Amino acid sequence: MDYIAHICYDGEKRREQSLYDHCVRTARYTSWALTDLGLVNCGHLTGLLHDVGKGSSNFQNYIRHSSAYDAYNSGLIDKPDFPCPVRGSVIHTFHGCIYLLERFHRDCDQMSQVTAEILATAIASHHGLFDCKGLDESNGFLHRLRYDKSKLDYEECIETLESEICTKSEIDNLFNKAKTEIGNTMKLIGNKFSTDGKCLQFQIIIVTLCALSCKKI
């Protein structure tokens, strides 16, 4: 299958961007955007993983059908002979978050856990923020981890990720580099803003905000 990430119309001309091209270009952009903050690999990894959920036949049908109705509403084509999909009915933002948390958050190394949470937050929030912990004690991470994967076509999307976008070993390498970057940045923040070293939460918040700073892609 030729996986599509975006479809738009330039006048009457239909333009498509492949999922591979979109993820790779986003990775280049986010790594560039975070260069001055010393988070190049953090940006690259989040860019590669942010749209993993588009790698299923279900999402591909959704985006093609949605695009057809966009064209119909613009007067470019006749009304399609299939129902108009409900906007947002196919979730695509959970997958990269789940992937990172399942693969790296179970590690006993605390920096791996912190890194996985920061990057997962950026990925899962790229269309809107979520609460890691809400006033009602709900947990945004657990909500995603406990979501029925069959409804997400999760296994199909991960297979697409590792075969079409980047390999598992490439992801491992990027994650390890991202972990080092986050550790170094947190130390820098701690040395600059704390005299007693008791600012771990502040450090994590600042690095998370940096990762989120280029989320709207």
N, C-alpha and C. Protein backbone atom coordinates (compact mmCIF):
# COMPACT_ATOMS: atom_id res chain seq x y z
N MET A 1 0.84 -1.20 0.00
CA MET A 1 0.00 0.00 0.00
C MET A 1 0.87 1.25 0.00
N ASP A 2 0.46 2.26 -0.76
CA ASP A 2 1.11 3.56 -0.70
C ASP A 2 0.44 4.37 0.41
N TYR A 3 1.12 4.45 1.55
CA TYR A 3 0.54 5.11 2.71
C TYR A 3 0.59 6.63 2.54
N ILE A 4 -0.54 7.27 2.77
CA ILE A 4 -0.67 8.72 2.62
C ILE A 4 -0.82 9.37 4.00
N ALA A 5 -0.13 10.49 4.19
CA ALA A 5 -0.26 11.23 5.44
C ALA A 5 -1.19 12.42 5.29
N HIS A 6 -1.13 13.08 4.13
CA HIS A 6 -1.95 14.27 3.90
C HIS A 6 -2.40 14.34 2.45
N ILE A 7 -3.60 14.88 2.25
CA ILE A 7 -4.13 15.14 0.92
C ILE A 7 -4.70 16.55 0.93
N CYS A 8 -4.35 17.32 -0.09
CA CYS A 8 -4.92 18.67 -0.20
C CYS A 8 -5.16 18.99 -1.67
N TYR A 9 -5.86 20.09 -1.90
CA TYR A 9 -6.16 20.51 -3.27
C TYR A 9 -5.58 21.89 -3.51
N ASP A 10 -4.83 22.01 -4.61
CA ASP A 10 -4.31 23.28 -5.07
C ASP A 10 -5.13 23.66 -6.30
N GLY A 11 -6.21 24.40 -6.07
CA GLY A 11 -7.18 24.59 -7.13
C GLY A 11 -7.87 23.26 -7.39
N GLU A 12 -7.80 22.78 -8.62
CA GLU A 12 -8.39 21.50 -8.94
C GLU A 12 -7.37 20.36 -8.87
N LYS A 13 -6.12 20.71 -8.60
CA LYS A 13 -5.06 19.70 -8.58
C LYS A 13 -4.96 19.04 -7.20
N ARG A 14 -5.06 17.74 -7.20
CA ARG A 14 -4.98 16.97 -5.96
C ARG A 14 -3.53 16.66 -5.63
N ARG A 15 -3.13 16.97 -4.41
CA ARG A 15 -1.75 16.72 -3.98
C ARG A 15 -1.74 15.75 -2.80
N GLU A 16 -0.83 14.83 -2.84
CA GLU A 16 -0.67 13.85 -1.76
C GLU A 16 0.74 13.93 -1.19
N GLN A 17 0.84 13.70 0.11
CA GLN A 17 2.15 13.54 0.74
C GLN A 17 2.19 12.17 1.38
N SER A 18 3.20 11.39 1.03
CA SER A 18 3.29 10.04 1.56
C SER A 18 3.60 10.08 3.06
N LEU A 19 3.25 9.01 3.75
CA LEU A 19 3.52 8.94 5.18
C LEU A 19 5.02 8.97 5.45
N TYR A 20 5.78 8.26 4.62
CA TYR A 20 7.24 8.26 4.79
C TYR A 20 7.79 9.68 4.64
N ASP A 21 7.41 10.35 3.57
CA ASP A 21 7.91 11.69 3.31
C ASP A 21 7.51 12.65 4.42
N HIS A 22 6.27 12.54 4.88
CA HIS A 22 5.80 13.43 5.94
C HIS A 22 6.58 13.22 7.24
N CYS A 23 6.75 11.97 7.63
CA CYS A 23 7.46 11.69 8.89
C CYS A 23 8.93 12.11 8.82
N VAL A 24 9.58 11.82 7.70
CA VAL A 24 11.00 12.18 7.55
C VAL A 24 11.17 13.69 7.51
N ARG A 25 10.31 14.37 6.77
CA ARG A 25 10.42 15.83 6.70
C ARG A 25 10.11 16.48 8.05
N THR A 26 9.13 15.93 8.75
CA THR A 26 8.81 16.45 10.09
C THR A 26 9.98 16.22 11.03
N ALA A 27 10.62 15.06 10.93
CA ALA A 27 11.79 14.77 11.78
C ALA A 27 12.91 15.77 11.52
N ARG A 28 13.11 16.11 10.25
CA ARG A 28 14.15 17.10 9.92
C ARG A 28 13.80 18.47 10.50
N TYR A 29 12.52 18.83 10.39
CA TYR A 29 12.10 20.13 10.90
C TYR A 29 12.22 20.20 12.42
N THR A 30 11.71 19.18 13.10
CA THR A 30 11.72 19.23 14.57
C THR A 30 13.14 19.14 15.12
N SER A 31 14.01 18.38 14.46
CA SER A 31 15.40 18.32 14.92
C SER A 31 16.08 19.68 14.74
N TRP A 32 15.77 20.34 13.60
CA TRP A 32 16.31 21.68 13.37
C TRP A 32 15.77 22.67 14.40
N ALA A 33 14.47 22.60 14.68
CA ALA A 33 13.84 23.54 15.61
C ALA A 33 14.39 23.42 17.02
N LEU A 34 14.85 22.23 17.37
CA LEU A 34 15.35 22.01 18.74
C LEU A 34 16.87 21.98 18.82
N THR A 35 17.55 22.35 17.72
CA THR A 35 19.02 22.32 17.69
C THR A 35 19.64 23.21 18.75
N ASP A 36 19.17 24.46 18.83
CA ASP A 36 19.77 25.41 19.78
C ASP A 36 19.53 25.00 21.23
N LEU A 37 18.55 24.12 21.45
CA LEU A 37 18.26 23.65 22.81
C LEU A 37 19.02 22.36 23.13
N GLY A 38 19.79 21.87 22.17
CA GLY A 38 20.55 20.65 22.40
C GLY A 38 19.71 19.39 22.39
N LEU A 39 18.56 19.45 21.69
CA LEU A 39 17.62 18.32 21.69
C LEU A 39 17.36 17.81 20.27
N VAL A 40 18.42 17.74 19.47
CA VAL A 40 18.30 17.36 18.06
C VAL A 40 17.67 15.98 17.89
N ASN A 41 18.18 15.00 18.61
CA ASN A 41 17.67 13.63 18.46
C ASN A 41 16.28 13.47 19.07
N CYS A 42 15.98 14.26 20.09
CA CYS A 42 14.61 14.27 20.64
C CYS A 42 13.64 14.71 19.55
N GLY A 43 14.00 15.79 18.86
CA GLY A 43 13.15 16.29 17.80
C GLY A 43 13.02 15.30 16.66
N HIS A 44 14.14 14.68 16.30
CA HIS A 44 14.12 13.73 15.18
C HIS A 44 13.21 12.54 15.49
N LEU A 45 13.33 12.00 16.68
CA LEU A 45 12.54 10.82 17.04
C LEU A 45 11.05 11.14 17.13
N THR A 46 10.71 12.26 17.75
CA THR A 46 9.29 12.62 17.84
C THR A 46 8.70 12.88 16.46
N GLY A 47 9.50 13.47 15.58
CA GLY A 47 9.02 13.71 14.23
C GLY A 47 8.73 12.41 13.48
N LEU A 48 9.62 11.44 13.63
CA LEU A 48 9.43 10.15 12.96
C LEU A 48 8.20 9.40 13.48
N LEU A 49 7.93 9.53 14.78
CA LEU A 49 6.88 8.71 15.40
C LEU A 49 5.53 9.39 15.53
N HIS A 50 5.44 10.69 15.26
CA HIS A 50 4.21 11.41 15.62
C HIS A 50 2.98 10.94 14.85
N ASP A 51 3.14 10.48 13.61
CA ASP A 51 1.98 10.06 12.82
C ASP A 51 1.96 8.57 12.52
N VAL A 52 2.55 7.79 13.41
CA VAL A 52 2.58 6.33 13.25
C VAL A 52 1.17 5.77 13.04
N GLY A 53 0.19 6.38 13.69
CA GLY A 53 -1.18 5.87 13.63
C GLY A 53 -1.84 5.99 12.27
N LYS A 54 -1.16 6.62 11.31
CA LYS A 54 -1.71 6.71 9.96
C LYS A 54 -1.33 5.51 9.09
N GLY A 55 -0.56 4.60 9.65
CA GLY A 55 -0.07 3.47 8.87
C GLY A 55 -0.96 2.24 8.88
N SER A 56 -2.25 2.44 8.83
CA SER A 56 -3.19 1.31 8.78
C SER A 56 -4.13 1.48 7.60
N SER A 57 -4.66 0.37 7.11
CA SER A 57 -5.61 0.43 6.00
C SER A 57 -6.87 1.18 6.42
N ASN A 58 -7.24 1.07 7.68
CA ASN A 58 -8.42 1.78 8.19
C ASN A 58 -8.22 3.29 8.10
N PHE A 59 -7.07 3.78 8.52
CA PHE A 59 -6.82 5.22 8.43
C PHE A 59 -6.71 5.66 6.98
N GLN A 60 -6.10 4.83 6.14
CA GLN A 60 -5.95 5.19 4.74
C GLN A 60 -7.31 5.34 4.05
N ASN A 61 -8.24 4.46 4.38
CA ASN A 61 -9.60 4.61 3.86
C ASN A 61 -10.23 5.90 4.38
N TYR A 62 -10.01 6.17 5.66
CA TYR A 62 -10.56 7.38 6.29
C TYR A 62 -10.06 8.65 5.61
N ILE A 63 -8.74 8.74 5.38
CA ILE A 63 -8.20 9.98 4.82
C ILE A 63 -8.61 10.15 3.35
N ARG A 64 -8.71 9.04 2.62
CA ARG A 64 -9.13 9.12 1.23
C ARG A 64 -10.61 9.53 1.12
N HIS A 65 -11.44 8.95 1.96
CA HIS A 65 -12.86 9.29 1.95
C HIS A 65 -13.09 10.72 2.42
N SER A 66 -12.35 11.13 3.45
CA SER A 66 -12.47 12.51 3.94
C SER A 66 -12.06 13.51 2.87
N SER A 67 -10.98 13.18 2.18
CA SER A 67 -10.49 14.06 1.12
C SER A 67 -11.50 14.18 -0.02
N ALA A 68 -12.15 13.06 -0.32
CA ALA A 68 -13.15 13.08 -1.39
C ALA A 68 -14.30 14.03 -1.03
N TYR A 69 -14.71 14.02 0.24
CA TYR A 69 -15.79 14.93 0.64
C TYR A 69 -15.32 16.37 0.70
N ASP A 70 -14.03 16.58 1.01
CA ASP A 70 -13.49 17.94 0.93
C ASP A 70 -13.59 18.47 -0.50
N ALA A 71 -13.24 17.60 -1.45
CA ALA A 71 -13.31 17.99 -2.85
C ALA A 71 -14.75 18.22 -3.29
N TYR A 72 -15.65 17.38 -2.81
CA TYR A 72 -17.08 17.53 -3.14
C TYR A 72 -17.62 18.85 -2.58
N ASN A 73 -17.28 19.16 -1.32
CA ASN A 73 -17.77 20.39 -0.70
C ASN A 73 -17.19 21.64 -1.36
N SER A 74 -16.05 21.46 -2.03
CA SER A 74 -15.45 22.58 -2.77
C SER A 74 -15.94 22.66 -4.20
N GLY A 75 -16.84 21.74 -4.57
CA GLY A 75 -17.40 21.76 -5.91
C GLY A 75 -16.50 21.18 -6.98
N LEU A 76 -15.50 20.40 -6.56
CA LEU A 76 -14.54 19.87 -7.53
C LEU A 76 -14.97 18.53 -8.13
N ILE A 77 -15.76 17.76 -7.38
CA ILE A 77 -16.19 16.46 -7.87
C ILE A 77 -17.66 16.25 -7.48
N ASP A 78 -18.27 15.23 -8.10
CA ASP A 78 -19.63 14.86 -7.72
C ASP A 78 -19.63 14.21 -6.34
N LYS A 79 -20.80 14.14 -5.73
CA LYS A 79 -20.90 13.55 -4.40
C LYS A 79 -20.45 12.09 -4.43
N PRO A 80 -19.54 11.70 -3.52
CA PRO A 80 -19.07 10.32 -3.48
C PRO A 80 -20.20 9.34 -3.16
N ASP A 81 -20.00 8.08 -3.54
CA ASP A 81 -21.03 7.08 -3.31
C ASP A 81 -20.79 6.30 -2.02
N PHE A 82 -20.11 6.95 -1.07
CA PHE A 82 -19.89 6.34 0.25
C PHE A 82 -20.14 7.42 1.31
N PRO A 83 -20.44 7.01 2.54
CA PRO A 83 -20.74 7.99 3.60
C PRO A 83 -19.53 8.86 3.94
N CYS A 84 -19.81 10.05 4.37
CA CYS A 84 -18.74 10.95 4.82
C CYS A 84 -18.24 10.50 6.19
N PRO A 85 -16.93 10.27 6.34
CA PRO A 85 -16.41 9.85 7.64
C PRO A 85 -16.59 10.94 8.71
N VAL A 86 -16.76 10.52 9.94
CA VAL A 86 -16.83 11.46 11.05
C VAL A 86 -15.42 11.94 11.36
N ARG A 87 -15.23 13.24 11.35
CA ARG A 87 -13.90 13.81 11.57
C ARG A 87 -13.34 13.35 12.92
N GLY A 88 -12.12 12.85 12.91
CA GLY A 88 -11.47 12.40 14.13
C GLY A 88 -11.90 11.02 14.59
N SER A 89 -12.67 10.31 13.77
CA SER A 89 -13.19 9.01 14.19
C SER A 89 -12.12 7.91 14.19
N VAL A 90 -11.02 8.15 13.50
CA VAL A 90 -9.90 7.20 13.50
C VAL A 90 -8.73 7.85 14.24
N ILE A 91 -8.41 7.34 15.40
CA ILE A 91 -7.35 7.91 16.24
C ILE A 91 -5.98 7.60 15.62
N HIS A 92 -5.12 8.62 15.55
CA HIS A 92 -3.77 8.36 15.04
C HIS A 92 -2.67 8.92 15.95
N THR A 93 -3.04 9.57 17.05
CA THR A 93 -2.03 10.20 17.91
C THR A 93 -1.58 9.33 19.09
N PHE A 94 -2.29 8.22 19.34
CA PHE A 94 -1.94 7.39 20.49
C PHE A 94 -0.73 6.49 20.23
N HIS A 95 -0.55 6.10 18.98
CA HIS A 95 0.34 4.99 18.65
C HIS A 95 1.81 5.23 19.02
N GLY A 96 2.34 6.40 18.63
CA GLY A 96 3.73 6.70 18.95
C GLY A 96 3.95 6.79 20.44
N CYS A 97 2.97 7.34 21.15
CA CYS A 97 3.03 7.43 22.62
C CYS A 97 3.08 6.04 23.24
N ILE A 98 2.19 5.18 22.82
CA ILE A 98 2.15 3.81 23.35
C ILE A 98 3.46 3.08 23.04
N TYR A 99 3.94 3.24 21.82
CA TYR A 99 5.16 2.56 21.39
C TYR A 99 6.34 2.93 22.30
N LEU A 100 6.52 4.22 22.56
CA LEU A 100 7.63 4.66 23.41
C LEU A 100 7.49 4.16 24.84
N LEU A 101 6.28 4.27 25.38
CA LEU A 101 6.08 3.87 26.78
C LEU A 101 6.23 2.36 26.96
N GLU A 102 5.74 1.59 26.02
CA GLU A 102 5.86 0.14 26.14
C GLU A 102 7.30 -0.33 25.97
N ARG A 103 8.03 0.30 25.08
CA ARG A 103 9.39 -0.16 24.79
C ARG A 103 10.42 0.36 25.77
N PHE A 104 10.23 1.58 26.29
CA PHE A 104 11.30 2.20 27.06
C PHE A 104 10.93 2.59 28.48
N HIS A 105 9.63 2.73 28.79
CA HIS A 105 9.26 3.18 30.12
C HIS A 105 9.37 2.07 31.15
N ARG A 106 9.36 0.83 30.70
CA ARG A 106 9.46 -0.30 31.63
C ARG A 106 10.90 -0.56 32.07
N ASP A 107 11.83 0.16 31.46
CA ASP A 107 13.24 0.07 31.84
C ASP A 107 13.40 0.60 33.27
N CYS A 108 14.26 -0.06 34.06
CA CYS A 108 14.45 0.37 35.46
C CYS A 108 15.27 1.66 35.53
N ASP A 109 15.91 2.04 34.43
CA ASP A 109 16.69 3.27 34.37
C ASP A 109 15.75 4.47 34.40
N GLN A 110 15.90 5.32 35.40
CA GLN A 110 14.98 6.45 35.57
C GLN A 110 15.03 7.42 34.40
N MET A 111 16.22 7.65 33.82
CA MET A 111 16.33 8.57 32.71
C MET A 111 15.60 8.03 31.48
N SER A 112 15.56 6.71 31.31
CA SER A 112 14.80 6.13 30.21
C SER A 112 13.31 6.40 30.40
N GLN A 113 12.84 6.29 31.64
CA GLN A 113 11.44 6.54 31.94
C GLN A 113 11.08 8.00 31.70
N VAL A 114 11.92 8.90 32.18
CA VAL A 114 11.67 10.34 32.01
C VAL A 114 11.68 10.70 30.52
N THR A 115 12.67 10.18 29.80
CA THR A 115 12.76 10.46 28.37
C THR A 115 11.54 9.95 27.62
N ALA A 116 11.13 8.73 27.93
CA ALA A 116 9.95 8.16 27.28
C ALA A 116 8.71 9.01 27.55
N GLU A 117 8.55 9.49 28.77
CA GLU A 117 7.38 10.29 29.11
C GLU A 117 7.39 11.64 28.39
N ILE A 118 8.56 12.28 28.34
CA ILE A 118 8.65 13.59 27.67
C ILE A 118 8.35 13.46 26.18
N LEU A 119 8.96 12.49 25.52
CA LEU A 119 8.76 12.32 24.08
C LEU A 119 7.33 11.84 23.78
N ALA A 120 6.81 10.96 24.64
CA ALA A 120 5.43 10.48 24.44
C ALA A 120 4.43 11.62 24.60
N THR A 121 4.70 12.53 25.53
CA THR A 121 3.82 13.68 25.71
C THR A 121 3.79 14.55 24.46
N ALA A 122 4.96 14.81 23.89
CA ALA A 122 5.04 15.63 22.68
C ALA A 122 4.30 14.98 21.52
N ILE A 123 4.48 13.66 21.36
CA ILE A 123 3.85 12.95 20.24
C ILE A 123 2.33 12.92 20.41
N ALA A 124 1.88 12.52 21.58
CA ALA A 124 0.44 12.37 21.81
C ALA A 124 -0.28 13.71 21.83
N SER A 125 0.46 14.81 21.99
CA SER A 125 -0.15 16.14 22.09
C SER A 125 -0.05 16.93 20.80
N HIS A 126 0.36 16.31 19.69
CA HIS A 126 0.64 17.14 18.52
C HIS A 126 -0.61 17.70 17.84
N HIS A 127 -1.80 17.28 18.29
CA HIS A 127 -3.02 17.94 17.84
C HIS A 127 -3.78 18.56 19.03
N GLY A 128 -3.18 18.54 20.19
CA GLY A 128 -3.83 19.10 21.37
C GLY A 128 -3.28 18.48 22.64
N LEU A 129 -3.14 19.28 23.67
CA LEU A 129 -2.56 18.82 24.93
C LEU A 129 -3.49 17.86 25.67
N PHE A 130 -2.90 16.99 26.47
CA PHE A 130 -3.68 16.13 27.35
C PHE A 130 -3.08 16.21 28.76
N ASP A 131 -3.88 15.88 29.76
CA ASP A 131 -3.40 15.91 31.14
C ASP A 131 -2.69 14.60 31.48
N CYS A 132 -1.44 14.72 31.91
CA CYS A 132 -0.75 13.52 32.41
C CYS A 132 -1.49 13.00 33.64
N LYS A 133 -1.98 13.93 34.46
CA LYS A 133 -2.81 13.57 35.60
C LYS A 133 -3.85 14.65 35.79
N GLY A 134 -5.13 14.27 35.69
CA GLY A 134 -6.21 15.23 35.79
C GLY A 134 -6.69 15.43 37.22
N LEU A 135 -7.55 16.42 37.40
CA LEU A 135 -8.11 16.70 38.73
C LEU A 135 -8.93 15.53 39.25
N ASP A 136 -9.46 14.72 38.33
CA ASP A 136 -10.25 13.56 38.73
C ASP A 136 -9.40 12.31 38.90
N GLU A 137 -8.06 12.51 39.00
CA GLU A 137 -7.09 11.43 39.15
C GLU A 137 -6.91 10.58 37.89
N SER A 138 -7.51 11.01 36.77
CA SER A 138 -7.30 10.29 35.52
C SER A 138 -5.85 10.49 35.06
N ASN A 139 -5.33 9.50 34.35
CA ASN A 139 -3.94 9.54 33.90
C ASN A 139 -3.90 9.42 32.38
N GLY A 140 -3.40 10.46 31.72
CA GLY A 140 -3.38 10.48 30.26
C GLY A 140 -2.53 9.39 29.64
N PHE A 141 -1.43 9.04 30.31
CA PHE A 141 -0.57 7.97 29.80
C PHE A 141 -1.28 6.62 29.92
N LEU A 142 -1.84 6.35 31.11
CA LEU A 142 -2.51 5.06 31.32
C LEU A 142 -3.73 4.92 30.41
N HIS A 143 -4.42 6.03 30.16
CA HIS A 143 -5.57 5.99 29.25
C HIS A 143 -5.14 5.47 27.88
N ARG A 144 -4.01 5.92 27.41
CA ARG A 144 -3.52 5.49 26.11
C ARG A 144 -2.99 4.06 26.15
N LEU A 145 -2.28 3.72 27.20
CA LEU A 145 -1.72 2.37 27.32
C LEU A 145 -2.80 1.30 27.47
N ARG A 146 -3.92 1.67 28.08
CA ARG A 146 -5.00 0.71 28.33
C ARG A 146 -6.05 0.70 27.22
N TYR A 147 -5.90 1.58 26.24
CA TYR A 147 -6.87 1.65 25.16
C TYR A 147 -6.84 0.35 24.36
N ASP A 148 -7.99 -0.07 23.89
CA ASP A 148 -8.10 -1.31 23.12
C ASP A 148 -7.29 -1.18 21.83
N LYS A 149 -6.19 -1.92 21.75
CA LYS A 149 -5.30 -1.78 20.60
C LYS A 149 -5.94 -2.24 19.29
N SER A 150 -6.89 -3.16 19.40
CA SER A 150 -7.54 -3.62 18.18
C SER A 150 -8.33 -2.49 17.52
N LYS A 151 -8.82 -1.54 18.34
CA LYS A 151 -9.55 -0.39 17.80
C LYS A 151 -8.60 0.64 17.18
N LEU A 152 -7.32 0.51 17.51
CA LEU A 152 -6.31 1.42 16.98
C LEU A 152 -5.57 0.83 15.79
N ASP A 153 -5.82 -0.45 15.48
CA ASP A 153 -5.02 -1.15 14.45
C ASP A 153 -3.54 -1.01 14.79
N TYR A 154 -3.24 -1.16 16.08
CA TYR A 154 -1.90 -0.83 16.58
C TYR A 154 -0.81 -1.68 15.95
N GLU A 155 -0.99 -2.98 15.92
CA GLU A 155 0.05 -3.87 15.40
C GLU A 155 0.34 -3.58 13.93
N GLU A 156 -0.71 -3.31 13.16
CA GLU A 156 -0.52 -2.98 11.75
C GLU A 156 0.27 -1.68 11.59
N CYS A 157 -0.02 -0.70 12.44
CA CYS A 157 0.68 0.59 12.36
C CYS A 157 2.15 0.44 12.73
N ILE A 158 2.45 -0.36 13.74
CA ILE A 158 3.84 -0.55 14.15
C ILE A 158 4.61 -1.32 13.08
N GLU A 159 3.96 -2.28 12.45
CA GLU A 159 4.60 -3.00 11.35
C GLU A 159 4.94 -2.04 10.21
N THR A 160 4.02 -1.12 9.93
CA THR A 160 4.27 -0.11 8.90
C THR A 160 5.43 0.79 9.30
N LEU A 161 5.45 1.21 10.56
CA LEU A 161 6.54 2.05 11.07
C LEU A 161 7.89 1.40 10.84
N GLU A 162 8.03 0.15 11.29
CA GLU A 162 9.34 -0.50 11.28
C GLU A 162 9.75 -1.02 9.91
N SER A 163 8.81 -1.09 8.98
CA SER A 163 9.15 -1.55 7.64
C SER A 163 9.21 -0.42 6.61
N GLU A 164 8.45 0.67 6.87
CA GLU A 164 8.34 1.74 5.88
C GLU A 164 9.03 3.04 6.29
N ILE A 165 9.18 3.29 7.60
CA ILE A 165 9.66 4.60 8.04
C ILE A 165 11.05 4.51 8.67
N CYS A 166 11.21 3.70 9.70
CA CYS A 166 12.53 3.53 10.32
C CYS A 166 12.56 2.19 11.06
N THR A 167 13.73 1.61 11.17
CA THR A 167 13.87 0.30 11.78
C THR A 167 13.88 0.41 13.30
N LYS A 168 13.68 -0.73 13.93
CA LYS A 168 13.69 -0.79 15.39
C LYS A 168 15.05 -0.36 15.95
N SER A 169 16.13 -0.79 15.29
CA SER A 169 17.48 -0.44 15.75
C SER A 169 17.73 1.06 15.61
N GLU A 170 17.20 1.67 14.55
CA GLU A 170 17.33 3.12 14.38
C GLU A 170 16.61 3.86 15.49
N ILE A 171 15.45 3.36 15.86
CA ILE A 171 14.69 3.97 16.95
C ILE A 171 15.44 3.83 18.27
N ASP A 172 16.01 2.65 18.52
CA ASP A 172 16.80 2.44 19.73
C ASP A 172 17.95 3.44 19.81
N ASN A 173 18.64 3.61 18.70
CA ASN A 173 19.79 4.51 18.65
C ASN A 173 19.37 5.95 18.91
N LEU A 174 18.28 6.37 18.28
CA LEU A 174 17.78 7.74 18.48
C LEU A 174 17.32 7.95 19.92
N PHE A 175 16.67 6.94 20.50
CA PHE A 175 16.19 7.08 21.87
C PHE A 175 17.35 7.24 22.84
N ASN A 176 18.39 6.44 22.67
CA ASN A 176 19.55 6.53 23.56
C ASN A 176 20.22 7.89 23.46
N LYS A 177 20.31 8.43 22.26
CA LYS A 177 20.88 9.76 22.08
C LYS A 177 19.96 10.83 22.68
N ALA A 178 18.65 10.64 22.52
CA ALA A 178 17.69 11.58 23.10
C ALA A 178 17.78 11.57 24.62
N LYS A 179 17.97 10.40 25.19
CA LYS A 179 18.09 10.29 26.65
C LYS A 179 19.31 11.08 27.15
N THR A 180 20.41 10.97 26.43
CA THR A 180 21.61 11.73 26.80
C THR A 180 21.36 13.22 26.69
N GLU A 181 20.68 13.64 25.62
CA GLU A 181 20.38 15.06 25.43
C GLU A 181 19.51 15.60 26.56
N ILE A 182 18.49 14.86 26.92
CA ILE A 182 17.59 15.31 27.98
C ILE A 182 18.33 15.38 29.31
N GLY A 183 19.17 14.38 29.58
CA GLY A 183 19.95 14.40 30.82
C GLY A 183 20.86 15.61 30.88
N ASN A 184 21.54 15.92 29.78
CA ASN A 184 22.45 17.07 29.74
C ASN A 184 21.68 18.38 29.90
N THR A 185 20.53 18.48 29.25
CA THR A 185 19.74 19.71 29.33
C THR A 185 19.19 19.92 30.74
N MET A 186 18.76 18.84 31.38
CA MET A 186 18.26 18.95 32.75
C MET A 186 19.37 19.39 33.70
N LYS A 187 20.58 18.89 33.50
CA LYS A 187 21.72 19.31 34.33
C LYS A 187 22.01 20.79 34.13
N LEU A 188 21.95 21.22 32.86
CA LEU A 188 22.20 22.62 32.56
C LEU A 188 21.18 23.53 33.24
N ILE A 189 19.91 23.14 33.17
CA ILE A 189 18.85 23.91 33.82
C ILE A 189 19.05 23.93 35.33
N GLY A 190 19.40 22.77 35.88
CA GLY A 190 19.61 22.67 37.33
C GLY A 190 20.76 23.53 37.80
N ASN A 191 21.85 23.53 37.05
CA ASN A 191 23.02 24.33 37.44
C ASN A 191 22.74 25.82 37.35
N LYS A 192 21.87 26.21 36.41
CA LYS A 192 21.61 27.64 36.19
C LYS A 192 20.58 28.20 37.15
N PHE A 193 19.57 27.38 37.50
CA PHE A 193 18.43 27.93 38.25
C PHE A 193 18.30 27.40 39.68
N SER A 194 19.16 26.49 40.07
CA SER A 194 19.01 25.93 41.42
C SER A 194 20.33 25.96 42.17
N THR A 195 20.26 26.35 43.42
CA THR A 195 21.46 26.35 44.25
C THR A 195 21.52 25.13 45.15
N ASP A 196 20.40 24.43 45.30
CA ASP A 196 20.39 23.26 46.19
C ASP A 196 20.15 21.96 45.43
N GLY A 197 20.00 22.05 44.09
CA GLY A 197 19.82 20.84 43.29
C GLY A 197 18.43 20.24 43.38
N LYS A 198 17.50 20.91 44.09
CA LYS A 198 16.16 20.34 44.28
C LYS A 198 15.15 20.95 43.30
N CYS A 199 15.37 20.70 42.03
CA CYS A 199 14.47 21.29 41.03
C CYS A 199 14.17 20.29 39.92
N LEU A 200 14.11 19.00 40.27
CA LEU A 200 13.91 17.97 39.26
C LEU A 200 12.61 18.18 38.47
N GLN A 201 11.53 18.48 39.19
CA GLN A 201 10.25 18.68 38.50
C GLN A 201 10.32 19.87 37.55
N PHE A 202 10.96 20.93 37.99
CA PHE A 202 11.11 22.11 37.15
C PHE A 202 11.91 21.78 35.90
N GLN A 203 12.97 21.00 36.06
CA GLN A 203 13.80 20.61 34.92
C GLN A 203 12.98 19.82 33.90
N ILE A 204 12.21 18.86 34.41
CA ILE A 204 11.40 18.02 33.53
C ILE A 204 10.36 18.85 32.79
N ILE A 205 9.73 19.79 33.51
CA ILE A 205 8.70 20.65 32.91
C ILE A 205 9.30 21.49 31.78
N ILE A 206 10.46 22.08 32.01
CA ILE A 206 11.08 22.94 31.00
C ILE A 206 11.45 22.14 29.76
N VAL A 207 12.04 20.95 29.95
CA VAL A 207 12.42 20.12 28.80
C VAL A 207 11.17 19.66 28.04
N THR A 208 10.10 19.33 28.77
CA THR A 208 8.85 18.92 28.13
C THR A 208 8.28 20.05 27.30
N LEU A 209 8.31 21.27 27.83
CA LEU A 209 7.81 22.44 27.08
C LEU A 209 8.65 22.67 25.82
N CYS A 210 9.95 22.42 25.94
CA CYS A 210 10.81 22.56 24.75
C CYS A 210 10.37 21.55 23.68
N ALA A 211 10.14 20.32 24.09
CA ALA A 211 9.71 19.29 23.13
C ALA A 211 8.36 19.62 22.52
N LEU A 212 7.49 20.23 23.32
CA LEU A 212 6.15 20.59 22.86
C LEU A 212 6.13 21.83 21.98
N SER A 213 7.23 22.57 21.98
CA SER A 213 7.24 23.87 21.31
C SER A 213 7.04 23.77 19.81
N CYS A 214 7.29 22.61 19.22
CA CYS A 214 7.06 22.47 17.77
C CYS A 214 6.09 21.33 17.50
N LYS A 215 5.06 21.22 18.37
CA LYS A 215 4.12 20.10 18.28
C LYS A 215 3.09 20.26 17.18
N LYS A 216 2.76 21.47 16.77
CA LYS A 216 1.66 21.67 15.83
C LYS A 216 2.12 21.45 14.40
N ILE A 217 2.17 20.16 14.00
CA ILE A 217 2.69 19.78 12.69
C ILE A 217 1.71 18.84 12.02
